[in-house]
Amino acid sequence: MLIAGNWKMFKGPREAQAFFDDFDAPPDVDVVFCPPFVSLAAAVDSGRPIYAQNVHWESSGAYTGEVSPAMLLELGVQGTLVGHSERRQHFGDTDAMVARRTRAALEAGLA
């Protein structure tokens, strides 16, 4: 069984570290965590599978607030969410944007 925990805009780095210090996954359950961007480094340091909550399709450029697949991989992130309903509702992500994000993530080696 796989369980993915999307932390949305909860848990800063200190709170993430405290969470991981106390967390034990149930037996026979794979758990993936999707913390906010500011907590990715602390989460990766936990040694658990960490996914980003979003990724941009470009490898670099003037895209304020965005993060590339290569940046996530350099940090030690293993995968990313794409196409979340909140991204579509609040930020206007379209099917075409989701396809571009998905393609970029997979081509870079993110799950």
PDB file of N, CA and C in Angstrom:
ATOM      1  N   MET A   1       0.844  -1.171   0.000  1.00  0.00           N
ATOM      2  CA  MET A   1       0.000   0.000   0.000  1.00  0.00           C
ATOM      3  C   MET A   1       0.891   1.235   0.000  1.00  0.00           C
ATOM      4  N   LEU A   2       0.466   2.242  -0.739  1.00  0.00           N
ATOM      5  CA  LEU A   2       1.172   3.524  -0.790  1.00  0.00           C
ATOM      6  C   LEU A   2       0.261   4.610  -0.247  1.00  0.00           C
ATOM      7  N   ILE A   3       0.788   5.407   0.654  1.00  0.00           N
ATOM      8  CA  ILE A   3       0.079   6.573   1.177  1.00  0.00           C
ATOM      9  C   ILE A   3       0.945   7.790   0.903  1.00  0.00           C
ATOM     10  N   ALA A   4       0.343   8.829   0.316  1.00  0.00           N
ATOM     11  CA  ALA A   4       1.050  10.085   0.057  1.00  0.00           C
ATOM     12  C   ALA A   4       0.445  11.168   0.934  1.00  0.00           C
ATOM     13  N   GLY A   5       1.293  11.842   1.685  1.00  0.00           N
ATOM     14  CA  GLY A   5       0.841  12.930   2.545  1.00  0.00           C
ATOM     15  C   GLY A   5       1.221  14.269   1.945  1.00  0.00           C
ATOM     16  N   ASN A   6       0.232  14.994   1.429  1.00  0.00           N
ATOM     17  CA  ASN A   6       0.451  16.330   0.880  1.00  0.00           C
ATOM     18  C   ASN A   6       0.233  17.330   2.010  1.00  0.00           C
ATOM     19  N   TRP A   7       1.311  17.950   2.451  1.00  0.00           N
ATOM     20  CA  TRP A   7       1.228  18.860   3.587  1.00  0.00           C
ATOM     21  C   TRP A   7       0.706  20.242   3.221  1.00  0.00           C
ATOM     22  N   LYS A   8       0.472  20.474   1.957  1.00  0.00           N
ATOM     23  CA  LYS A   8      -0.046  21.756   1.474  1.00  0.00           C
ATOM     24  C   LYS A   8       0.831  22.896   1.997  1.00  0.00           C
ATOM     25  N   MET A   9       0.268  23.913   2.641  1.00  0.00           N
ATOM     26  CA  MET A   9       1.076  25.017   3.159  1.00  0.00           C
ATOM     27  C   MET A   9       1.159  24.932   4.693  1.00  0.00           C
ATOM     28  N   PHE A  10       1.424  23.719   5.174  1.00  0.00           N
ATOM     29  CA  PHE A  10       1.579  23.461   6.602  1.00  0.00           C
ATOM     30  C   PHE A  10       2.982  22.913   6.855  1.00  0.00           C
ATOM     31  N   LYS A  11       3.482  23.116   8.030  1.00  0.00           N
ATOM     32  CA  LYS A  11       4.766  22.606   8.525  1.00  0.00           C
ATOM     33  C   LYS A  11       5.975  23.261   7.862  1.00  0.00           C
ATOM     34  N   GLY A  12       6.547  24.221   8.580  1.00  0.00           N
ATOM     35  CA  GLY A  12       7.822  24.801   8.176  1.00  0.00           C
ATOM     36  C   GLY A  12       8.938  23.813   8.478  1.00  0.00           C
ATOM     37  N   PRO A  13      10.191  24.192   8.216  1.00  0.00           N
ATOM     38  CA  PRO A  13      11.311  23.265   8.398  1.00  0.00           C
ATOM     39  C   PRO A  13      11.439  22.685   9.809  1.00  0.00           C
ATOM     40  N   ARG A  14      11.295  23.504  10.838  1.00  0.00           N
ATOM     41  CA  ARG A  14      11.423  22.989  12.217  1.00  0.00           C
ATOM     42  C   ARG A  14      10.313  21.999  12.551  1.00  0.00           C
ATOM     43  N   GLU A  15       9.105  22.353  12.147  1.00  0.00           N
ATOM     44  CA  GLU A  15       7.972  21.470  12.414  1.00  0.00           C
ATOM     45  C   GLU A  15       8.097  20.160  11.623  1.00  0.00           C
ATOM     46  N   ALA A  16       8.610  20.249  10.405  1.00  0.00           N
ATOM     47  CA  ALA A  16       8.832  19.044   9.596  1.00  0.00           C
ATOM     48  C   ALA A  16       9.851  18.134  10.271  1.00  0.00           C
ATOM     49  N   GLN A  17      10.942  18.721  10.738  1.00  0.00           N
ATOM     50  CA  GLN A  17      11.978  17.936  11.419  1.00  0.00           C
ATOM     51  C   GLN A  17      11.413  17.242  12.651  1.00  0.00           C
ATOM     52  N   ALA A  18      10.636  17.973  13.439  1.00  0.00           N
ATOM     53  CA  ALA A  18      10.029  17.390  14.641  1.00  0.00           C
ATOM     54  C   ALA A  18       9.077  16.256  14.274  1.00  0.00           C
ATOM     55  N   PHE A  19       8.323  16.440  13.207  1.00  0.00           N
ATOM     56  CA  PHE A  19       7.414  15.387  12.760  1.00  0.00           C
ATOM     57  C   PHE A  19       8.185  14.114  12.418  1.00  0.00           C
ATOM     58  N   PHE A  20       9.238  14.262  11.618  1.00  0.00           N
ATOM     59  CA  PHE A  20       9.995  13.088  11.189  1.00  0.00           C
ATOM     60  C   PHE A  20      10.733  12.420  12.348  1.00  0.00           C
ATOM     61  N   ASP A  21      11.114  13.192  13.344  1.00  0.00           N
ATOM     62  CA  ASP A  21      11.766  12.605  14.517  1.00  0.00           C
ATOM     63  C   ASP A  21      10.846  11.616  15.233  1.00  0.00           C
ATOM     64  N   ASP A  22       9.537  11.853  15.139  1.00  0.00           N
ATOM     65  CA  ASP A  22       8.560  11.023  15.851  1.00  0.00           C
ATOM     66  C   ASP A  22       7.794  10.054  14.958  1.00  0.00           C
ATOM     67  N   PHE A  23       7.988  10.104  13.644  1.00  0.00           N
ATOM     68  CA  PHE A  23       7.160   9.308  12.730  1.00  0.00           C
ATOM     69  C   PHE A  23       7.717   7.902  12.515  1.00  0.00           C
ATOM     70  N   ASP A  24       6.836   6.931  12.607  1.00  0.00           N
ATOM     71  CA  ASP A  24       7.145   5.551  12.237  1.00  0.00           C
ATOM     72  C   ASP A  24       6.052   5.068  11.295  1.00  0.00           C
ATOM     73  N   ALA A  25       6.427   4.651  10.102  1.00  0.00           N
ATOM     74  CA  ALA A  25       5.447   4.140   9.143  1.00  0.00           C
ATOM     75  C   ALA A  25       4.942   2.783   9.610  1.00  0.00           C
ATOM     76  N   PRO A  26       3.663   2.521   9.396  1.00  0.00           N
ATOM     77  CA  PRO A  26       3.146   1.191   9.713  1.00  0.00           C
ATOM     78  C   PRO A  26       3.837   0.134   8.850  1.00  0.00           C
ATOM     79  N   PRO A  27       3.913  -1.088   9.338  1.00  0.00           N
ATOM     80  CA  PRO A  27       4.541  -2.143   8.533  1.00  0.00           C
ATOM     81  C   PRO A  27       3.795  -2.348   7.216  1.00  0.00           C
ATOM     82  N   ASP A  28       4.529  -2.677   6.181  1.00  0.00           N
ATOM     83  CA  ASP A  28       3.966  -2.971   4.855  1.00  0.00           C
ATOM     84  C   ASP A  28       3.245  -1.786   4.219  1.00  0.00           C
ATOM     85  N   VAL A  29       3.574  -0.576   4.645  1.00  0.00           N
ATOM     86  CA  VAL A  29       2.991   0.627   4.048  1.00  0.00           C
ATOM     87  C   VAL A  29       4.126   1.529   3.582  1.00  0.00           C
ATOM     88  N   ASP A  30       4.099   1.895   2.309  1.00  0.00           N
ATOM     89  CA  ASP A  30       5.049   2.867   1.777  1.00  0.00           C
ATOM     90  C   ASP A  30       4.435   4.249   1.916  1.00  0.00           C
ATOM     91  N   VAL A  31       5.186   5.173   2.486  1.00  0.00           N
ATOM     92  CA  VAL A  31       4.683   6.529   2.702  1.00  0.00           C
ATOM     93  C   VAL A  31       5.585   7.516   1.977  1.00  0.00           C
ATOM     94  N   VAL A  32       4.963   8.405   1.215  1.00  0.00           N
ATOM     95  CA  VAL A  32       5.645   9.486   0.508  1.00  0.00           C
ATOM     96  C   VAL A  32       5.132  10.792   1.095  1.00  0.00           C
ATOM     97  N   PHE A  33       6.025  11.744   1.316  1.00  0.00           N
ATOM     98  CA  PHE A  33       5.640  13.030   1.890  1.00  0.00           C
ATOM     99  C   PHE A  33       5.840  14.137   0.869  1.00  0.00           C
ATOM    100  N   CYS A  34       4.896  15.088   0.838  1.00  0.00           N
ATOM    101  CA  CYS A  34       4.944  16.226  -0.080  1.00  0.00           C
ATOM    102  C   CYS A  34       4.857  17.514   0.737  1.00  0.00           C
ATOM    103  N   PRO A  35       5.969  17.936   1.329  1.00  0.00           N
ATOM    104  CA  PRO A  35       5.955  19.150   2.149  1.00  0.00           C
ATOM    105  C   PRO A  35       6.005  20.405   1.278  1.00  0.00           C
ATOM    106  N   PRO A  36       5.762  21.579   1.877  1.00  0.00           N
ATOM    107  CA  PRO A  36       5.934  22.824   1.130  1.00  0.00           C
ATOM    108  C   PRO A  36       7.404  23.003   0.735  1.00  0.00           C
ATOM    109  N   PHE A  37       7.642  23.810  -0.273  1.00  0.00           N
ATOM    110  CA  PHE A  37       8.998  23.988  -0.795  1.00  0.00           C
ATOM    111  C   PHE A  37      10.007  24.356   0.288  1.00  0.00           C
ATOM    112  N   VAL A  38       9.614  25.222   1.226  1.00  0.00           N
ATOM    113  CA  VAL A  38      10.572  25.660   2.250  1.00  0.00           C
ATOM    114  C   VAL A  38      10.987  24.535   3.188  1.00  0.00           C
ATOM    115  N   SER A  39      10.231  23.455   3.219  1.00  0.00           N
ATOM    116  CA  SER A  39      10.537  22.333   4.108  1.00  0.00           C
ATOM    117  C   SER A  39      11.145  21.142   3.382  1.00  0.00           C
ATOM    118  N   LEU A  40      11.379  21.256   2.091  1.00  0.00           N
ATOM    119  CA  LEU A  40      11.912  20.120   1.334  1.00  0.00           C
ATOM    120  C   LEU A  40      13.262  19.646   1.865  1.00  0.00           C
ATOM    121  N   ALA A  41      14.179  20.568   2.129  1.00  0.00           N
ATOM    122  CA  ALA A  41      15.516  20.167   2.588  1.00  0.00           C
ATOM    123  C   ALA A  41      15.440  19.422   3.917  1.00  0.00           C
ATOM    124  N   ALA A  42      14.664  19.938   4.860  1.00  0.00           N
ATOM    125  CA  ALA A  42      14.513  19.267   6.152  1.00  0.00           C
ATOM    126  C   ALA A  42      13.877  17.897   5.971  1.00  0.00           C
ATOM    127  N   ALA A  43      12.926  17.803   5.073  1.00  0.00           N
ATOM    128  CA  ALA A  43      12.255  16.529   4.824  1.00  0.00           C
ATOM    129  C   ALA A  43      13.200  15.527   4.171  1.00  0.00           C
ATOM    130  N   VAL A  44      13.966  15.972   3.188  1.00  0.00           N
ATOM    131  CA  VAL A  44      14.930  15.088   2.525  1.00  0.00           C
ATOM    132  C   VAL A  44      15.931  14.552   3.542  1.00  0.00           C
ATOM    133  N   ASP A  45      16.353  15.392   4.478  1.00  0.00           N
ATOM    134  CA  ASP A  45      17.310  14.974   5.507  1.00  0.00           C
ATOM    135  C   ASP A  45      16.771  13.854   6.396  1.00  0.00           C
ATOM    136  N   SER A  46      15.458  13.650   6.388  1.00  0.00           N
ATOM    137  CA  SER A  46      14.861  12.588   7.202  1.00  0.00           C
ATOM    138  C   SER A  46      15.140  11.206   6.620  1.00  0.00           C
ATOM    139  N   GLY A  47      15.547  11.159   5.349  1.00  0.00           N
ATOM    140  CA  GLY A  47      15.804   9.882   4.702  1.00  0.00           C
ATOM    141  C   GLY A  47      14.562   9.193   4.170  1.00  0.00           C
ATOM    142  N   ARG A  48      13.441   9.847   4.265  1.00  0.00           N
ATOM    143  CA  ARG A  48      12.190   9.266   3.770  1.00  0.00           C
ATOM    144  C   ARG A  48      11.924   9.731   2.338  1.00  0.00           C
ATOM    145  N   PRO A  49      11.048   9.045   1.597  1.00  0.00           N
ATOM    146  CA  PRO A  49      10.730   9.472   0.229  1.00  0.00           C
ATOM    147  C   PRO A  49       9.997  10.818   0.237  1.00  0.00           C
ATOM    148  N   ILE A  50      10.572  11.791  -0.460  1.00  0.00           N
ATOM    149  CA  ILE A  50      10.021  13.144  -0.479  1.00  0.00           C
ATOM    150  C   ILE A  50       9.699  13.543  -1.912  1.00  0.00           C
ATOM    151  N   TYR A  51       8.508  14.074  -2.094  1.00  0.00           N
ATOM    152  CA  TYR A  51       8.056  14.602  -3.380  1.00  0.00           C
ATOM    153  C   TYR A  51       7.776  16.093  -3.209  1.00  0.00           C
ATOM    154  N   ALA A  52       7.948  16.845  -4.286  1.00  0.00           N
ATOM    155  CA  ALA A  52       7.573  18.260  -4.293  1.00  0.00           C
ATOM    156  C   ALA A  52       6.070  18.372  -4.556  1.00  0.00           C
ATOM    157  N   GLN A  53       5.526  19.532  -4.272  1.00  0.00           N
ATOM    158  CA  GLN A  53       4.107  19.763  -4.523  1.00  0.00           C
ATOM    159  C   GLN A  53       3.847  20.302  -5.920  1.00  0.00           C
ATOM    160  N   ASN A  54       4.900  20.698  -6.611  1.00  0.00           N
ATOM    161  CA  ASN A  54       4.743  21.257  -7.955  1.00  0.00           C
ATOM    162  C   ASN A  54       6.123  21.333  -8.595  1.00  0.00           C
ATOM    163  N   VAL A  55       6.156  21.475  -9.896  1.00  0.00           N
ATOM    164  CA  VAL A  55       7.405  21.620 -10.634  1.00  0.00           C
ATOM    165  C   VAL A  55       7.116  22.417 -11.903  1.00  0.00           C
ATOM    166  N   HIS A  56       8.099  23.184 -12.353  1.00  0.00           N
ATOM    167  CA  HIS A  56       7.957  23.922 -13.608  1.00  0.00           C
ATOM    168  C   HIS A  56       8.547  23.101 -14.738  1.00  0.00           C
ATOM    169  N   TRP A  57       8.099  23.357 -15.940  1.00  0.00           N
ATOM    170  CA  TRP A  57       8.564  22.585 -17.100  1.00  0.00           C
ATOM    171  C   TRP A  57       9.870  23.098 -17.689  1.00  0.00           C
ATOM    172  N   GLU A  58      10.271  24.308 -17.352  1.00  0.00           N
ATOM    173  CA  GLU A  58      11.530  24.840 -17.879  1.00  0.00           C
ATOM    174  C   GLU A  58      12.680  24.468 -16.943  1.00  0.00           C
ATOM    175  N   SER A  59      13.856  24.312 -17.515  1.00  0.00           N
ATOM    176  CA  SER A  59      15.016  23.940 -16.705  1.00  0.00           C
ATOM    177  C   SER A  59      15.629  25.134 -15.981  1.00  0.00           C
ATOM    178  N   SER A  60      15.408  26.332 -16.500  1.00  0.00           N
ATOM    179  CA  SER A  60      15.873  27.558 -15.848  1.00  0.00           C
ATOM    180  C   SER A  60      15.219  28.737 -16.543  1.00  0.00           C
ATOM    181  N   GLY A  61      15.364  29.917 -15.958  1.00  0.00           N
ATOM    182  CA  GLY A  61      14.818  31.111 -16.593  1.00  0.00           C
ATOM    183  C   GLY A  61      14.171  32.039 -15.592  1.00  0.00           C
ATOM    184  N   ALA A  62      13.580  33.101 -16.113  1.00  0.00           N
ATOM    185  CA  ALA A  62      12.952  34.133 -15.292  1.00  0.00           C
ATOM    186  C   ALA A  62      11.513  33.725 -14.968  1.00  0.00           C
ATOM    187  N   TYR A  63      11.375  32.772 -14.048  1.00  0.00           N
ATOM    188  CA  TYR A  63      10.069  32.253 -13.639  1.00  0.00           C
ATOM    189  C   TYR A  63       9.970  32.362 -12.119  1.00  0.00           C
ATOM    190  N   THR A  64       9.725  33.578 -11.655  1.00  0.00           N
ATOM    191  CA  THR A  64       9.713  33.864 -10.226  1.00  0.00           C
ATOM    192  C   THR A  64       8.818  32.895  -9.464  1.00  0.00           C
ATOM    193  N   GLY A  65       9.374  32.314  -8.416  1.00  0.00           N
ATOM    194  CA  GLY A  65       8.619  31.416  -7.555  1.00  0.00           C
ATOM    195  C   GLY A  65       8.542  29.981  -8.031  1.00  0.00           C
ATOM    196  N   GLU A  66       9.092  29.690  -9.196  1.00  0.00           N
ATOM    197  CA  GLU A  66       9.023  28.330  -9.736  1.00  0.00           C
ATOM    198  C   GLU A  66      10.290  27.544  -9.418  1.00  0.00           C
ATOM    199  N   VAL A  67      10.204  26.219  -9.535  1.00  0.00           N
ATOM    200  CA  VAL A  67      11.322  25.327  -9.254  1.00  0.00           C
ATOM    201  C   VAL A  67      11.420  24.308 -10.383  1.00  0.00           C
ATOM    202  N   SER A  68      12.633  24.109 -10.885  1.00  0.00           N
ATOM    203  CA  SER A  68      12.836  23.186 -12.006  1.00  0.00           C
ATOM    204  C   SER A  68      13.030  21.752 -11.510  1.00  0.00           C
ATOM    205  N   PRO A  69      12.837  20.783 -12.404  1.00  0.00           N
ATOM    206  CA  PRO A  69      13.114  19.393 -12.032  1.00  0.00           C
ATOM    207  C   PRO A  69      14.555  19.197 -11.562  1.00  0.00           C
ATOM    208  N   ALA A  70      15.507  19.821 -12.240  1.00  0.00           N
ATOM    209  CA  ALA A  70      16.917  19.668 -11.855  1.00  0.00           C
ATOM    210  C   ALA A  70      17.170  20.194 -10.447  1.00  0.00           C
ATOM    211  N   MET A  71      16.537  21.298 -10.077  1.00  0.00           N
ATOM    212  CA  MET A  71      16.696  21.838  -8.725  1.00  0.00           C
ATOM    213  C   MET A  71      16.167  20.860  -7.682  1.00  0.00           C
ATOM    214  N   LEU A  72      15.031  20.245  -7.980  1.00  0.00           N
ATOM    215  CA  LEU A  72      14.458  19.276  -7.047  1.00  0.00           C
ATOM    216  C   LEU A  72      15.360  18.060  -6.899  1.00  0.00           C
ATOM    217  N   LEU A  73      15.880  17.570  -8.015  1.00  0.00           N
ATOM    218  CA  LEU A  73      16.780  16.417  -7.966  1.00  0.00           C
ATOM    219  C   LEU A  73      18.053  16.735  -7.191  1.00  0.00           C
ATOM    220  N   GLU A  74      18.587  17.935  -7.397  1.00  0.00           N
ATOM    221  CA  GLU A  74      19.800  18.334  -6.674  1.00  0.00           C
ATOM    222  C   GLU A  74      19.568  18.333  -5.164  1.00  0.00           C
ATOM    223  N   LEU A  75      18.361  18.672  -4.774  1.00  0.00           N
ATOM    224  CA  LEU A  75      18.002  18.708  -3.357  1.00  0.00           C
ATOM    225  C   LEU A  75      17.792  17.303  -2.781  1.00  0.00           C
ATOM    226  N   GLY A  76      17.557  16.334  -3.656  1.00  0.00           N
ATOM    227  CA  GLY A  76      17.312  14.970  -3.198  1.00  0.00           C
ATOM    228  C   GLY A  76      15.857  14.558  -3.227  1.00  0.00           C
ATOM    229  N   VAL A  77      15.024  15.390  -3.844  1.00  0.00           N
ATOM    230  CA  VAL A  77      13.603  15.078  -3.987  1.00  0.00           C
ATOM    231  C   VAL A  77      13.451  13.959  -5.017  1.00  0.00           C
ATOM    232  N   GLN A  78      12.550  13.025  -4.759  1.00  0.00           N
ATOM    233  CA  GLN A  78      12.399  11.856  -5.628  1.00  0.00           C
ATOM    234  C   GLN A  78      11.291  11.981  -6.664  1.00  0.00           C
ATOM    235  N   GLY A  79      10.315  12.837  -6.417  1.00  0.00           N
ATOM    236  CA  GLY A  79       9.185  12.951  -7.334  1.00  0.00           C
ATOM    237  C   GLY A  79       8.435  14.240  -7.094  1.00  0.00           C
ATOM    238  N   THR A  80       7.307  14.379  -7.757  1.00  0.00           N
ATOM    239  CA  THR A  80       6.513  15.597  -7.626  1.00  0.00           C
ATOM    240  C   THR A  80       5.043  15.321  -7.900  1.00  0.00           C
ATOM    241  N   LEU A  81       4.203  16.103  -7.275  1.00  0.00           N
ATOM    242  CA  LEU A  81       2.794  16.138  -7.647  1.00  0.00           C
ATOM    243  C   LEU A  81       2.664  17.001  -8.891  1.00  0.00           C
ATOM    244  N   VAL A  82       1.735  16.686  -9.745  1.00  0.00           N
ATOM    245  CA  VAL A  82       1.360  17.564 -10.858  1.00  0.00           C
ATOM    246  C   VAL A  82      -0.149  17.453 -11.048  1.00  0.00           C
ATOM    247  N   GLY A  83      -0.770  18.543 -11.447  1.00  0.00           N
ATOM    248  CA  GLY A  83      -2.194  18.521 -11.758  1.00  0.00           C
ATOM    249  C   GLY A  83      -3.121  18.523 -10.564  1.00  0.00           C
ATOM    250  N   HIS A  84      -2.634  18.915  -9.396  1.00  0.00           N
ATOM    251  CA  HIS A  84      -3.490  18.937  -8.207  1.00  0.00           C
ATOM    252  C   HIS A  84      -4.659  19.893  -8.429  1.00  0.00           C
ATOM    253  N   SER A  85      -5.813  19.525  -7.910  1.00  0.00           N
ATOM    254  CA  SER A  85      -7.022  20.334  -8.114  1.00  0.00           C
ATOM    255  C   SER A  85      -6.862  21.756  -7.589  1.00  0.00           C
ATOM    256  N   GLU A  86      -6.100  21.946  -6.515  1.00  0.00           N
ATOM    257  CA  GLU A  86      -5.899  23.297  -5.989  1.00  0.00           C
ATOM    258  C   GLU A  86      -5.044  24.136  -6.924  1.00  0.00           C
ATOM    259  N   ARG A  87      -4.067  23.531  -7.592  1.00  0.00           N
ATOM    260  CA  ARG A  87      -3.265  24.255  -8.587  1.00  0.00           C
ATOM    261  C   ARG A  87      -4.168  24.685  -9.744  1.00  0.00           C
ATOM    262  N   ARG A  88      -5.074  23.837 -10.122  1.00  0.00           N
ATOM    263  CA  ARG A  88      -5.988  24.163 -11.219  1.00  0.00           C
ATOM    264  C   ARG A  88      -6.969  25.263 -10.803  1.00  0.00           C
ATOM    265  N   GLN A  89      -7.535  25.131  -9.613  1.00  0.00           N
ATOM    266  CA  GLN A  89      -8.541  26.079  -9.145  1.00  0.00           C
ATOM    267  C   GLN A  89      -7.955  27.448  -8.823  1.00  0.00           C
ATOM    268  N   HIS A  90      -6.868  27.491  -8.067  1.00  0.00           N
ATOM    269  CA  HIS A  90      -6.356  28.764  -7.560  1.00  0.00           C
ATOM    270  C   HIS A  90      -5.303  29.413  -8.452  1.00  0.00           C
ATOM    271  N   PHE A  91      -4.617  28.617  -9.267  1.00  0.00           N
ATOM    272  CA  PHE A  91      -3.520  29.152 -10.074  1.00  0.00           C
ATOM    273  C   PHE A  91      -3.741  28.991 -11.571  1.00  0.00           C
ATOM    274  N   GLY A  92      -4.873  28.428 -11.954  1.00  0.00           N
ATOM    275  CA  GLY A  92      -5.226  28.338 -13.364  1.00  0.00           C
ATOM    276  C   GLY A  92      -4.459  27.302 -14.163  1.00  0.00           C
ATOM    277  N   ASP A  93      -3.883  26.296 -13.505  1.00  0.00           N
ATOM    278  CA  ASP A  93      -3.189  25.251 -14.260  1.00  0.00           C
ATOM    279  C   ASP A  93      -4.173  24.563 -15.205  1.00  0.00           C
ATOM    280  N   THR A  94      -3.769  24.417 -16.439  1.00  0.00           N
ATOM    281  CA  THR A  94      -4.586  23.786 -17.472  1.00  0.00           C
ATOM    282  C   THR A  94      -4.060  22.379 -17.762  1.00  0.00           C
ATOM    283  N   ASP A  95      -4.811  21.630 -18.555  1.00  0.00           N
ATOM    284  CA  ASP A  95      -4.343  20.304 -18.965  1.00  0.00           C
ATOM    285  C   ASP A  95      -3.012  20.405 -19.701  1.00  0.00           C
ATOM    286  N   ALA A  96      -2.863  21.432 -20.527  1.00  0.00           N
ATOM    287  CA  ALA A  96      -1.613  21.612 -21.278  1.00  0.00           C
ATOM    288  C   ALA A  96      -0.444  21.884 -20.331  1.00  0.00           C
ATOM    289  N   MET A  97      -0.670  22.690 -19.312  1.00  0.00           N
ATOM    290  CA  MET A  97       0.386  22.969 -18.337  1.00  0.00           C
ATOM    291  C   MET A  97       0.746  21.713 -17.552  1.00  0.00           C
ATOM    292  N   VAL A  98      -0.257  20.953 -17.172  1.00  0.00           N
ATOM    293  CA  VAL A  98      -0.017  19.713 -16.433  1.00  0.00           C
ATOM    294  C   VAL A  98       0.786  18.745 -17.292  1.00  0.00           C
ATOM    295  N   ALA A  99       0.462  18.673 -18.567  1.00  0.00           N
ATOM    296  CA  ALA A  99       1.207  17.798 -19.479  1.00  0.00           C
ATOM    297  C   ALA A  99       2.666  18.237 -19.579  1.00  0.00           C
ATOM    298  N   ARG A 100       2.898  19.542 -19.654  1.00  0.00           N
ATOM    299  CA  ARG A 100       4.279  20.046 -19.731  1.00  0.00           C
ATOM    300  C   ARG A 100       5.044  19.750 -18.446  1.00  0.00           C
ATOM    301  N   ARG A 101       4.391  19.951 -17.304  1.00  0.00           N
ATOM    302  CA  ARG A 101       5.022  19.657 -16.016  1.00  0.00           C
ATOM    303  C   ARG A 101       5.353  18.162 -15.917  1.00  0.00           C
ATOM    304  N   THR A 102       4.399  17.337 -16.307  1.00  0.00           N
ATOM    305  CA  THR A 102       4.590  15.883 -16.242  1.00  0.00           C
ATOM    306  C   THR A 102       5.743  15.440 -17.126  1.00  0.00           C
ATOM    307  N   ARG A 103       5.755  15.921 -18.342  1.00  0.00           N
ATOM    308  CA  ARG A 103       6.822  15.558 -19.290  1.00  0.00           C
ATOM    309  C   ARG A 103       8.191  15.966 -18.747  1.00  0.00           C
ATOM    310  N   ALA A 104       8.290  17.198 -18.251  1.00  0.00           N
ATOM    311  CA  ALA A 104       9.572  17.694 -17.727  1.00  0.00           C
ATOM    312  C   ALA A 104      10.028  16.867 -16.527  1.00  0.00           C
ATOM    313  N   ALA A 105       9.105  16.552 -15.639  1.00  0.00           N
ATOM    314  CA  ALA A 105       9.456  15.771 -14.447  1.00  0.00           C
ATOM    315  C   ALA A 105       9.944  14.376 -14.830  1.00  0.00           C
ATOM    316  N   LEU A 106       9.219  13.715 -15.701  1.00  0.00           N
ATOM    317  CA  LEU A 106       9.594  12.354 -16.094  1.00  0.00           C
ATOM    318  C   LEU A 106      10.904  12.324 -16.870  1.00  0.00           C
ATOM    319  N   GLU A 107      11.082  13.282 -17.778  1.00  0.00           N
ATOM    320  CA  GLU A 107      12.329  13.328 -18.551  1.00  0.00           C
ATOM    321  C   GLU A 107      13.541  13.576 -17.654  1.00  0.00           C
ATOM    322  N   ALA A 108      13.330  14.292 -16.561  1.00  0.00           N
ATOM    323  CA  ALA A 108      14.426  14.580 -15.629  1.00  0.00           C
ATOM    324  C   ALA A 108      14.705  13.409 -14.684  1.00  0.00           C
ATOM    325  N   GLY A 109      13.758  12.497 -14.580  1.00  0.00           N
ATOM    326  CA  GLY A 109      13.946  11.352 -13.698  1.00  0.00           C
ATOM    327  C   GLY A 109      13.180  11.422 -12.391  1.00  0.00           C
ATOM    328  N   LEU A 110      12.271  12.387 -12.276  1.00  0.00           N
ATOM    329  CA  LEU A 110      11.414  12.447 -11.093  1.00  0.00           C
ATOM    330  C   LEU A 110      10.258  11.467 -11.258  1.00  0.00           C
ATOM    331  N   ALA A 111       9.801  10.917 -10.153  1.00  0.00           N
ATOM    332  CA  ALA A 111       8.640  10.019 -10.191  1.00  0.00           C
ATOM    333  C   ALA A 111       7.375  10.844 -10.238  1.00  0.00           C
TER     334      ALA A 111
END
